[in-house]
Amino acid sequence: MTQICLLGCGLMGAPMSRRLLAAGFPLTVWNRTRTKAEALAALGAKVADTPAEAARHADIVITMLEHGGIVEDVLFNPAHPGAATTLQPGALVIDMSSILPEQAQAHARRLAQQGVEALDAPVSGGTVGAEAGTLAIMAGGDESAFERARAVLEAMGHPVHVGPAGSGQLAKLANQMIVGITIGAVAEALLLAEKGGADPAKVRQALRGGFAESRILEVHGQRMVDHDFAKRGSLAIQLKDMRNALHTATGLHFDAPITAHLAELYAAAASHGFDQLDQSGLYCELVRRQAQIAPN
């Protein structure tokens, strides 16, 4: 069977690894904090000491890491050594991290020089989707590489090929723009309802099924009602993705004023200590602002 290596066994990488193992794929894993990788050993994963060791015999290498700089380091840094130092011609790298489109394109060009194919295939659906194997997977790269990876990707979710290298990351930026903006809209609307004397839980219930219905209202709205901001998706990573969207928009000479405003709100939330909360913790920043203008 296809030999798979997964680099990065954190909040998303660990459940994705479990889905691959449940589908019967031979899997080798690596993580900077080795204990996170070792937790998968009982399920049948092999644990490697370095990215290069993990990738040595892999047909497909999957990366699920925090940002583009770390992806580049884990793939190409000879000091670790990086995974690319042992990749064989004909291997396929699927980067499922959320990085800049220009970084994905640069990585694909660099890997192509070794005869290695690449897909940028970021995901949406959070830890819930990763556990259930229902992630939305947006893949950029050659269509032939996508078809080669389809069965592996389908073990983790619902893959769609959206265009050439970098297109997966563009789709993810679009996703994060919608998610980040909608979280802000839901938080502000529920707080307004509460301020006027309505029960925010009942307001959320009343809105369900109407034109305001969304996955954000369903999931993040419930977290706001419950004041449950334990990290599933990080506010800090949401801010990173909003900034990446703005960086990409600037390079395309595209004005994104709504994203820019929400990015400022997420940055304010991070600066006031909410950066380690779930991204629905933007609600806490809006609560803080309301407290500042409340009448005496």
C-alpha atoms as a PDB file:
ATOM      1  CA  MET A   1       0.000   0.000   0.000  1.00  0.00           C
ATOM      2  CA  THR A   2       0.918   3.651  -0.315  1.00  0.00           C
ATOM      3  CA  GLN A   3       3.434   4.542   2.395  1.00  0.00           C
ATOM      4  CA  ILE A   4       2.448   7.805   4.073  1.00  0.00           C
ATOM      5  CA  CYS A   5       4.375  10.106   6.358  1.00  0.00           C
ATOM      6  CA  LEU A   6       2.659  12.892   8.321  1.00  0.00           C
ATOM      7  CA  LEU A   7       4.711  15.737   9.792  1.00  0.00           C
ATOM      8  CA  GLY A   8       2.969  17.670  12.570  1.00  0.00           C
ATOM      9  CA  CYS A   9       0.759  15.822  15.071  1.00  0.00           C
ATOM     10  CA  GLY A  10      -0.916  18.762  16.810  1.00  0.00           C
ATOM     11  CA  LEU A  11      -4.588  19.689  17.197  1.00  0.00           C
ATOM     12  CA  MET A  12      -5.312  18.874  13.552  1.00  0.00           C
ATOM     13  CA  GLY A  13      -2.504  16.516  12.593  1.00  0.00           C
ATOM     14  CA  ALA A  14      -3.279  13.976  15.317  1.00  0.00           C
ATOM     15  CA  PRO A  15      -6.931  13.319  14.369  1.00  0.00           C
ATOM     16  CA  MET A  16      -6.000  13.364  10.686  1.00  0.00           C
ATOM     17  CA  SER A  17      -3.393  10.695  11.437  1.00  0.00           C
ATOM     18  CA  ARG A  18      -6.025   8.633  13.218  1.00  0.00           C
ATOM     19  CA  ARG A  19      -8.280   8.802  10.151  1.00  0.00           C
ATOM     20  CA  LEU A  20      -5.447   7.594   7.909  1.00  0.00           C
ATOM     21  CA  LEU A  21      -4.663   4.729  10.267  1.00  0.00           C
ATOM     22  CA  ALA A  22      -8.345   3.785  10.470  1.00  0.00           C
ATOM     23  CA  ALA A  23      -8.411   3.659   6.658  1.00  0.00           C
ATOM     24  CA  GLY A  24      -5.557   1.142   6.753  1.00  0.00           C
ATOM     25  CA  PHE A  25      -2.728   3.294   5.390  1.00  0.00           C
ATOM     26  CA  PRO A  26       0.782   2.505   6.676  1.00  0.00           C
ATOM     27  CA  LEU A  27       1.781   5.713   8.486  1.00  0.00           C
ATOM     28  CA  THR A  28       4.992   7.164   9.881  1.00  0.00           C
ATOM     29  CA  VAL A  29       4.672  10.316  11.994  1.00  0.00           C
ATOM     30  CA  TRP A  30       6.980  13.016  13.299  1.00  0.00           C
ATOM     31  CA  ASN A  31       6.413  15.947  15.629  1.00  0.00           C
ATOM     32  CA  ARG A  32       8.774  18.397  17.322  1.00  0.00           C
ATOM     33  CA  THR A  33       7.254  17.396  20.655  1.00  0.00           C
ATOM     34  CA  ARG A  34       7.818  13.661  20.329  1.00  0.00           C
ATOM     35  CA  THR A  35       5.185  12.674  22.914  1.00  0.00           C
ATOM     36  CA  LYS A  36       2.439  13.910  20.579  1.00  0.00           C
ATOM     37  CA  ALA A  37       3.675  11.541  17.873  1.00  0.00           C
ATOM     38  CA  GLU A  38       4.141   8.683  20.331  1.00  0.00           C
ATOM     39  CA  ALA A  39       0.465   8.905  21.285  1.00  0.00           C
ATOM     40  CA  LEU A  40      -0.284   7.515  17.811  1.00  0.00           C
ATOM     41  CA  ALA A  41       2.014   4.521  18.144  1.00  0.00           C
ATOM     42  CA  ALA A  42      -0.626   2.460  19.957  1.00  0.00           C
ATOM     43  CA  LEU A  43      -2.821   2.810  16.862  1.00  0.00           C
ATOM     44  CA  GLY A  44      -0.112   1.442  14.581  1.00  0.00           C
ATOM     45  CA  ALA A  45       1.888   4.492  13.531  1.00  0.00           C
ATOM     46  CA  LYS A  46       5.672   4.391  13.370  1.00  0.00           C
ATOM     47  CA  VAL A  47       7.395   7.297  15.114  1.00  0.00           C
ATOM     48  CA  ALA A  48      10.434   8.953  13.506  1.00  0.00           C
ATOM     49  CA  ASP A  49      13.101  11.075  15.165  1.00  0.00           C
ATOM     50  CA  THR A  50      13.514  13.536  12.276  1.00  0.00           C
ATOM     51  CA  PRO A  51      11.474  14.686   9.270  1.00  0.00           C
ATOM     52  CA  ALA A  52      14.083  13.092   6.993  1.00  0.00           C
ATOM     53  CA  GLU A  53      13.731   9.731   8.718  1.00  0.00           C
ATOM     54  CA  ALA A  54       9.944   9.930   8.512  1.00  0.00           C
ATOM     55  CA  ALA A  55      10.008  10.702   4.781  1.00  0.00           C
ATOM     56  CA  ARG A  56      12.742   8.272   3.740  1.00  0.00           C
ATOM     57  CA  HIS A  57      10.467   5.532   2.407  1.00  0.00           C
ATOM     58  CA  ALA A  58       7.299   7.571   1.932  1.00  0.00           C
ATOM     59  CA  ASP A  59       5.308   7.684  -1.281  1.00  0.00           C
ATOM     60  CA  ILE A  60       3.282  10.601   0.081  1.00  0.00           C
ATOM     61  CA  VAL A  61       4.428  13.140   2.663  1.00  0.00           C
ATOM     62  CA  ILE A  62       1.759  15.229   4.409  1.00  0.00           C
ATOM     63  CA  THR A  63       2.619  18.367   6.354  1.00  0.00           C
ATOM     64  CA  MET A  64       0.227  19.927   8.883  1.00  0.00           C
ATOM     65  CA  LEU A  65       2.222  22.744  10.464  1.00  0.00           C
ATOM     66  CA  GLU A  66       1.593  26.199  11.885  1.00  0.00           C
ATOM     67  CA  HIS A  67       2.793  28.497   9.100  1.00  0.00           C
ATOM     68  CA  GLY A  68       4.824  28.683   5.909  1.00  0.00           C
ATOM     69  CA  GLY A  69       8.148  29.346   7.606  1.00  0.00           C
ATOM     70  CA  ILE A  70       7.849  26.148   9.620  1.00  0.00           C
ATOM     71  CA  VAL A  71       6.793  24.186   6.526  1.00  0.00           C
ATOM     72  CA  GLU A  72       9.896  25.390   4.693  1.00  0.00           C
ATOM     73  CA  ASP A  73      12.090  24.558   7.668  1.00  0.00           C
ATOM     74  CA  VAL A  74      10.668  21.048   8.122  1.00  0.00           C
ATOM     75  CA  LEU A  75      10.928  20.277   4.422  1.00  0.00           C
ATOM     76  CA  PHE A  76      14.196  21.876   3.396  1.00  0.00           C
ATOM     77  CA  ASN A  77      16.426  22.643   6.396  1.00  0.00           C
ATOM     78  CA  PRO A  78      19.462  20.309   6.125  1.00  0.00           C
ATOM     79  CA  ALA A  79      20.184  20.671   9.844  1.00  0.00           C
ATOM     80  CA  HIS A  80      17.171  18.623  11.076  1.00  0.00           C
ATOM     81  CA  PRO A  81      17.549  17.110   8.482  1.00  0.00           C
ATOM     82  CA  GLY A  82      14.451  18.142   6.538  1.00  0.00           C
ATOM     83  CA  ALA A  83      12.103  15.753   4.778  1.00  0.00           C
ATOM     84  CA  ALA A  84      13.148  16.833   1.294  1.00  0.00           C
ATOM     85  CA  THR A  85      16.697  15.573   1.883  1.00  0.00           C
ATOM     86  CA  THR A  86      15.495  11.953   1.720  1.00  0.00           C
ATOM     87  CA  LEU A  87      12.540  12.204  -0.662  1.00  0.00           C
ATOM     88  CA  GLN A  88      12.823   9.944  -3.693  1.00  0.00           C
ATOM     89  CA  PRO A  89      11.943  11.162  -7.206  1.00  0.00           C
ATOM     90  CA  GLY A  90       8.301  10.401  -7.845  1.00  0.00           C
ATOM     91  CA  ALA A  91       7.223  11.104  -4.265  1.00  0.00           C
ATOM     92  CA  LEU A  92       4.336  13.483  -3.572  1.00  0.00           C
ATOM     93  CA  VAL A  93       4.252  16.201  -0.898  1.00  0.00           C
ATOM     94  CA  ILE A  94       0.813  17.363   0.254  1.00  0.00           C
ATOM     95  CA  ASP A  95       1.041  20.488   2.394  1.00  0.00           C
ATOM     96  CA  MET A  96      -2.203  20.721   4.357  1.00  0.00           C
ATOM     97  CA  SER A  97      -1.001  23.672   6.439  1.00  0.00           C
ATOM     98  CA  SER A  98      -2.398  27.183   5.912  1.00  0.00           C
ATOM     99  CA  ILE A  99       0.363  29.247   4.294  1.00  0.00           C
ATOM    100  CA  LEU A 100       0.716  32.042   1.745  1.00  0.00           C
ATOM    101  CA  PRO A 101      -0.083  31.095  -1.872  1.00  0.00           C
ATOM    102  CA  GLU A 102       3.302  32.453  -2.950  1.00  0.00           C
ATOM    103  CA  GLN A 103       5.022  30.173  -0.431  1.00  0.00           C
ATOM    104  CA  ALA A 104       3.092  27.154  -1.741  1.00  0.00           C
ATOM    105  CA  GLN A 105       4.158  28.002  -5.279  1.00  0.00           C
ATOM    106  CA  ALA A 106       7.802  28.397  -4.236  1.00  0.00           C
ATOM    107  CA  HIS A 107       7.767  25.059  -2.405  1.00  0.00           C
ATOM    108  CA  ALA A 108       6.228  23.341  -5.444  1.00  0.00           C
ATOM    109  CA  ARG A 109       8.945  24.729  -7.734  1.00  0.00           C
ATOM    110  CA  ARG A 110      11.675  23.675  -5.335  1.00  0.00           C
ATOM    111  CA  LEU A 111      10.302  20.144  -4.997  1.00  0.00           C
ATOM    112  CA  ALA A 112       9.879  19.832  -8.769  1.00  0.00           C
ATOM    113  CA  GLN A 113      13.645  20.295  -9.125  1.00  0.00           C
ATOM    114  CA  GLN A 114      13.989  16.992  -7.219  1.00  0.00           C
ATOM    115  CA  GLY A 115      11.373  15.249  -9.350  1.00  0.00           C
ATOM    116  CA  VAL A 116       8.853  15.456  -6.478  1.00  0.00           C
ATOM    117  CA  GLU A 117       5.217  16.444  -7.055  1.00  0.00           C
ATOM    118  CA  ALA A 118       3.397  18.848  -4.740  1.00  0.00           C
ATOM    119  CA  LEU A 119      -0.129  19.763  -3.748  1.00  0.00           C
ATOM    120  CA  ASP A 120      -1.153  22.596  -1.457  1.00  0.00           C
ATOM    121  CA  ALA A 121      -4.283  21.226   0.213  1.00  0.00           C
ATOM    122  CA  PRO A 122      -5.319  23.257   3.267  1.00  0.00           C
ATOM    123  CA  VAL A 123      -8.436  22.279   5.159  1.00  0.00           C
ATOM    124  CA  SER A 124     -11.482  23.704   6.885  1.00  0.00           C
ATOM    125  CA  GLY A 125     -13.676  22.080   9.493  1.00  0.00           C
ATOM    126  CA  GLY A 126     -11.507  22.346  12.599  1.00  0.00           C
ATOM    127  CA  THR A 127     -10.816  19.570  15.050  1.00  0.00           C
ATOM    128  CA  VAL A 128     -14.434  18.383  14.835  1.00  0.00           C
ATOM    129  CA  GLY A 129     -14.088  17.799  11.091  1.00  0.00           C
ATOM    130  CA  ALA A 130     -10.648  16.239  11.511  1.00  0.00           C
ATOM    131  CA  GLU A 131     -11.997  13.724  14.048  1.00  0.00           C
ATOM    132  CA  ALA A 132     -15.018  12.887  11.886  1.00  0.00           C
ATOM    133  CA  GLY A 133     -13.104  12.730   8.597  1.00  0.00           C
ATOM    134  CA  THR A 134     -15.339  15.428   7.096  1.00  0.00           C
ATOM    135  CA  LEU A 135     -12.792  18.181   6.436  1.00  0.00           C
ATOM    136  CA  ALA A 136     -13.259  20.438   3.432  1.00  0.00           C
ATOM    137  CA  ILE A 137      -9.990  20.010   1.506  1.00  0.00           C
ATOM    138  CA  MET A 138      -9.007  22.619  -1.119  1.00  0.00           C
ATOM    139  CA  ALA A 139      -6.247  21.309  -3.373  1.00  0.00           C
ATOM    140  CA  GLY A 140      -3.955  23.240  -5.710  1.00  0.00           C
ATOM    141  CA  GLY A 141      -1.464  21.635  -8.081  1.00  0.00           C
ATOM    142  CA  ASP A 142      -1.463  19.357 -11.114  1.00  0.00           C
ATOM    143  CA  GLU A 143      -4.702  17.453 -11.582  1.00  0.00           C
ATOM    144  CA  SER A 144      -2.770  14.209 -12.050  1.00  0.00           C
ATOM    145  CA  ALA A 145      -1.158  14.659  -8.633  1.00  0.00           C
ATOM    146  CA  PHE A 146      -4.595  15.337  -7.140  1.00  0.00           C
ATOM    147  CA  GLU A 147      -6.008  12.126  -8.623  1.00  0.00           C
ATOM    148  CA  ARG A 148      -3.030  10.224  -7.256  1.00  0.00           C
ATOM    149  CA  ALA A 149      -3.750  11.634  -3.792  1.00  0.00           C
ATOM    150  CA  ARG A 150      -7.532  11.353  -3.918  1.00  0.00           C
ATOM    151  CA  ALA A 151      -7.928   8.149  -1.875  1.00  0.00           C
ATOM    152  CA  VAL A 152      -5.607   9.464   0.843  1.00  0.00           C
ATOM    153  CA  LEU A 153      -7.394  12.808   0.997  1.00  0.00           C
ATOM    154  CA  GLU A 154     -10.812  11.155   1.036  1.00  0.00           C
ATOM    155  CA  ALA A 155      -9.814   9.305   4.210  1.00  0.00           C
ATOM    156  CA  MET A 156      -9.704  12.727   5.891  1.00  0.00           C
ATOM    157  CA  GLY A 157     -12.529  14.611   4.208  1.00  0.00           C
ATOM    158  CA  HIS A 158     -13.971  15.936   0.975  1.00  0.00           C
ATOM    159  CA  PRO A 159     -11.241  17.052  -1.454  1.00  0.00           C
ATOM    160  CA  VAL A 160     -11.823  19.385  -4.399  1.00  0.00           C
ATOM    161  CA  HIS A 161      -9.179  20.328  -6.968  1.00  0.00           C
ATOM    162  CA  VAL A 162      -9.423  24.130  -7.328  1.00  0.00           C
ATOM    163  CA  GLY A 163      -6.565  24.988  -9.711  1.00  0.00           C
ATOM    164  CA  PRO A 164      -2.779  25.113 -10.122  1.00  0.00           C
ATOM    165  CA  ALA A 165      -0.158  25.432  -7.375  1.00  0.00           C
ATOM    166  CA  GLY A 166      -1.149  28.034  -4.804  1.00  0.00           C
ATOM    167  CA  SER A 167      -4.866  27.802  -5.596  1.00  0.00           C
ATOM    168  CA  GLY A 168      -5.588  25.654  -2.552  1.00  0.00           C
ATOM    169  CA  GLN A 169      -4.130  28.359  -0.349  1.00  0.00           C
ATOM    170  CA  LEU A 170      -6.174  31.031  -2.143  1.00  0.00           C
ATOM    171  CA  ALA A 171      -9.304  29.001  -1.438  1.00  0.00           C
ATOM    172  CA  LYS A 172      -8.303  28.658   2.213  1.00  0.00           C
ATOM    173  CA  LEU A 173      -7.768  32.409   2.491  1.00  0.00           C
ATOM    174  CA  ALA A 174     -11.261  32.928   1.068  1.00  0.00           C
ATOM    175  CA  ASN A 175     -12.549  30.443   3.637  1.00  0.00           C
ATOM    176  CA  GLN A 176     -10.792  32.211   6.497  1.00  0.00           C
ATOM    177  CA  MET A 177     -12.051  35.601   5.356  1.00  0.00           C
ATOM    178  CA  ILE A 178     -15.620  34.284   5.484  1.00  0.00           C
ATOM    179  CA  VAL A 179     -15.080  32.502   8.821  1.00  0.00           C
ATOM    180  CA  GLY A 180     -13.343  35.439  10.492  1.00  0.00           C
ATOM    181  CA  ILE A 181     -15.842  38.019   9.284  1.00  0.00           C
ATOM    182  CA  THR A 182     -18.855  35.843  10.173  1.00  0.00           C
ATOM    183  CA  ILE A 183     -17.563  35.156  13.692  1.00  0.00           C
ATOM    184  CA  GLY A 184     -17.428  38.920  14.177  1.00  0.00           C
ATOM    185  CA  ALA A 185     -20.968  39.351  12.847  1.00  0.00           C
ATOM    186  CA  VAL A 186     -22.391  36.598  15.085  1.00  0.00           C
ATOM    187  CA  ALA A 187     -20.607  37.905  18.195  1.00  0.00           C
ATOM    188  CA  GLU A 188     -21.724  41.488  17.632  1.00  0.00           C
ATOM    189  CA  ALA A 189     -25.311  40.477  16.866  1.00  0.00           C
ATOM    190  CA  LEU A 190     -25.674  38.264  19.954  1.00  0.00           C
ATOM    191  CA  LEU A 191     -24.182  40.968  22.165  1.00  0.00           C
ATOM    192  CA  LEU A 192     -26.568  43.567  20.735  1.00  0.00           C
ATOM    193  CA  ALA A 193     -29.525  41.264  21.443  1.00  0.00           C
ATOM    194  CA  GLU A 194     -28.341  40.704  24.999  1.00  0.00           C
ATOM    195  CA  LYS A 195     -27.753  44.430  25.533  1.00  0.00           C
ATOM    196  CA  GLY A 196     -31.358  45.128  24.550  1.00  0.00           C
ATOM    197  CA  GLY A 197     -32.720  42.553  27.006  1.00  0.00           C
ATOM    198  CA  ALA A 198     -33.194  39.493  24.776  1.00  0.00           C
ATOM    199  CA  ASP A 199     -31.894  36.041  25.690  1.00  0.00           C
ATOM    200  CA  PRO A 200     -28.917  35.444  23.339  1.00  0.00           C
ATOM    201  CA  ALA A 201     -29.429  31.666  23.475  1.00  0.00           C
ATOM    202  CA  LYS A 202     -33.037  32.086  22.368  1.00  0.00           C
ATOM    203  CA  VAL A 203     -32.050  34.611  19.710  1.00  0.00           C
ATOM    204  CA  ARG A 204     -29.564  32.127  18.289  1.00  0.00           C
ATOM    205  CA  GLN A 205     -32.278  29.463  18.322  1.00  0.00           C
ATOM    206  CA  ALA A 206     -34.722  31.787  16.567  1.00  0.00           C
ATOM    207  CA  LEU A 207     -32.209  32.620  13.834  1.00  0.00           C
ATOM    208  CA  ARG A 208     -31.427  28.982  13.047  1.00  0.00           C
ATOM    209  CA  GLY A 209     -32.956  27.948   9.724  1.00  0.00           C
ATOM    210  CA  GLY A 210     -33.418  31.496   8.475  1.00  0.00           C
ATOM    211  CA  PHE A 211     -31.190  33.464   6.097  1.00  0.00           C
ATOM    212  CA  ALA A 212     -28.695  34.071   8.928  1.00  0.00           C
ATOM    213  CA  GLU A 213     -28.131  30.345   9.402  1.00  0.00           C
ATOM    214  CA  SER A 214     -24.510  29.243   9.044  1.00  0.00           C
ATOM    215  CA  ARG A 215     -22.056  26.766  10.459  1.00  0.00           C
ATOM    216  CA  ILE A 216     -20.552  29.686  12.387  1.00  0.00           C
ATOM    217  CA  LEU A 217     -23.904  30.532  14.014  1.00  0.00           C
ATOM    218  CA  GLU A 218     -24.404  26.861  14.804  1.00  0.00           C
ATOM    219  CA  VAL A 219     -20.985  26.058  16.305  1.00  0.00           C
ATOM    220  CA  HIS A 220     -19.302  29.304  17.309  1.00  0.00           C
ATOM    221  CA  GLY A 221     -22.584  30.935  18.254  1.00  0.00           C
ATOM    222  CA  GLN A 222     -23.181  28.130  20.748  1.00  0.00           C
ATOM    223  CA  ARG A 223     -19.695  28.626  22.173  1.00  0.00           C
ATOM    224  CA  MET A 224     -20.452  32.317  22.651  1.00  0.00           C
ATOM    225  CA  VAL A 225     -23.751  31.549  24.373  1.00  0.00           C
ATOM    226  CA  ASP A 226     -21.974  29.049  26.649  1.00  0.00           C
ATOM    227  CA  HIS A 227     -18.932  31.334  27.123  1.00  0.00           C
ATOM    228  CA  ASP A 228     -16.874  28.293  26.138  1.00  0.00           C
ATOM    229  CA  PHE A 229     -13.722  29.592  24.478  1.00  0.00           C
ATOM    230  CA  ALA A 230     -11.458  26.571  24.978  1.00  0.00           C
ATOM    231  CA  LYS A 231      -9.164  26.427  21.951  1.00  0.00           C
ATOM    232  CA  ARG A 232     -10.264  24.244  19.054  1.00  0.00           C
ATOM    233  CA  GLY A 233      -9.211  26.661  16.344  1.00  0.00           C
ATOM    234  CA  SER A 234      -6.839  29.329  17.633  1.00  0.00           C
ATOM    235  CA  LEU A 235      -7.655  33.035  17.564  1.00  0.00           C
ATOM    236  CA  ALA A 236      -3.949  33.644  16.942  1.00  0.00           C
ATOM    237  CA  ILE A 237      -4.029  31.431  13.849  1.00  0.00           C
ATOM    238  CA  GLN A 238      -7.224  33.113  12.664  1.00  0.00           C
ATOM    239  CA  LEU A 239      -5.399  36.444  12.908  1.00  0.00           C
ATOM    240  CA  LYS A 240      -2.452  34.983  10.986  1.00  0.00           C
ATOM    241  CA  ASP A 241      -4.789  33.841   8.215  1.00  0.00           C
ATOM    242  CA  MET A 242      -6.531  37.229   8.019  1.00  0.00           C
ATOM    243  CA  ARG A 243      -3.148  38.926   7.702  1.00  0.00           C
ATOM    244  CA  ASN A 244      -2.126  36.425   5.025  1.00  0.00           C
ATOM    245  CA  ALA A 245      -5.314  37.270   3.136  1.00  0.00           C
ATOM    246  CA  LEU A 246      -4.498  40.979   3.304  1.00  0.00           C
ATOM    247  CA  HIS A 247      -0.904  40.345   2.222  1.00  0.00           C
ATOM    248  CA  THR A 248      -2.134  38.365  -0.776  1.00  0.00           C
ATOM    249  CA  ALA A 249      -4.781  40.979  -1.595  1.00  0.00           C
ATOM    250  CA  THR A 250      -2.111  43.686  -1.636  1.00  0.00           C
ATOM    251  CA  GLY A 251      -0.011  41.652  -4.065  1.00  0.00           C
ATOM    252  CA  LEU A 252      -3.056  41.273  -6.333  1.00  0.00           C
ATOM    253  CA  HIS A 253      -3.918  45.015  -6.064  1.00  0.00           C
ATOM    254  CA  PHE A 254      -7.209  44.015  -4.456  1.00  0.00           C
ATOM    255  CA  ASP A 255      -8.935  46.129  -1.792  1.00  0.00           C
ATOM    256  CA  ALA A 256     -10.352  44.051   1.082  1.00  0.00           C
ATOM    257  CA  PRO A 257     -11.752  46.619   3.572  1.00  0.00           C
ATOM    258  CA  ILE A 258     -14.014  44.241   5.513  1.00  0.00           C
ATOM    259  CA  THR A 259     -11.190  41.766   6.077  1.00  0.00           C
ATOM    260  CA  ALA A 260      -8.902  44.633   7.086  1.00  0.00           C
ATOM    261  CA  HIS A 261     -11.346  45.845   9.739  1.00  0.00           C
ATOM    262  CA  LEU A 262     -11.858  42.364  11.193  1.00  0.00           C
ATOM    263  CA  ALA A 263      -8.106  41.772  11.206  1.00  0.00           C
ATOM    264  CA  GLU A 264      -7.768  44.884  13.371  1.00  0.00           C
ATOM    265  CA  LEU A 265     -10.342  43.465  15.803  1.00  0.00           C
ATOM    266  CA  TYR A 266      -8.556  40.110  15.989  1.00  0.00           C
ATOM    267  CA  ALA A 267      -5.250  41.931  16.536  1.00  0.00           C
ATOM    268  CA  ALA A 268      -6.828  43.905  19.381  1.00  0.00           C
ATOM    269  CA  ALA A 269      -8.162  40.679  20.891  1.00  0.00           C
ATOM    270  CA  ALA A 270      -4.689  39.144  20.735  1.00  0.00           C
ATOM    271  CA  SER A 271      -3.117  42.223  22.323  1.00  0.00           C
ATOM    272  CA  HIS A 272      -5.557  41.995  25.249  1.00  0.00           C
ATOM    273  CA  GLY A 273      -4.627  38.401  26.055  1.00  0.00           C
ATOM    274  CA  PHE A 274      -7.264  36.497  24.089  1.00  0.00           C
ATOM    275  CA  ASP A 275      -4.827  35.035  21.542  1.00  0.00           C
ATOM    276  CA  GLN A 276      -4.809  31.552  23.088  1.00  0.00           C
ATOM    277  CA  LEU A 277      -8.592  31.258  23.011  1.00  0.00           C
ATOM    278  CA  ASP A 278     -10.697  29.651  20.316  1.00  0.00           C
ATOM    279  CA  GLN A 279     -11.294  32.063  17.426  1.00  0.00           C
ATOM    280  CA  SER A 280     -14.824  32.557  18.763  1.00  0.00           C
ATOM    281  CA  GLY A 281     -13.012  34.361  21.605  1.00  0.00           C
ATOM    282  CA  LEU A 282     -13.309  37.503  19.443  1.00  0.00           C
ATOM    283  CA  TYR A 283     -16.557  37.762  21.430  1.00  0.00           C
ATOM    284  CA  CYS A 284     -14.436  38.538  24.510  1.00  0.00           C
ATOM    285  CA  GLU A 285     -12.819  41.509  22.783  1.00  0.00           C
ATOM    286  CA  LEU A 286     -16.250  42.882  21.882  1.00  0.00           C
ATOM    287  CA  VAL A 287     -17.404  42.403  25.485  1.00  0.00           C
ATOM    288  CA  ARG A 288     -14.320  44.302  26.653  1.00  0.00           C
ATOM    289  CA  ARG A 289     -15.119  47.168  24.303  1.00  0.00           C
ATOM    290  CA  GLN A 290     -18.726  47.327  25.472  1.00  0.00           C
ATOM    291  CA  ALA A 291     -17.575  47.534  29.099  1.00  0.00           C
ATOM    292  CA  GLN A 292     -15.515  50.601  28.217  1.00  0.00           C
ATOM    293  CA  ILE A 293     -18.492  52.519  26.830  1.00  0.00           C
ATOM    294  CA  ALA A 294     -21.127  51.313  29.301  1.00  0.00           C
ATOM    295  CA  PRO A 295     -22.887  54.188  31.105  1.00  0.00           C
ATOM    296  CA  ASN A 296     -22.021  54.717  34.768  1.00  0.00           C
END
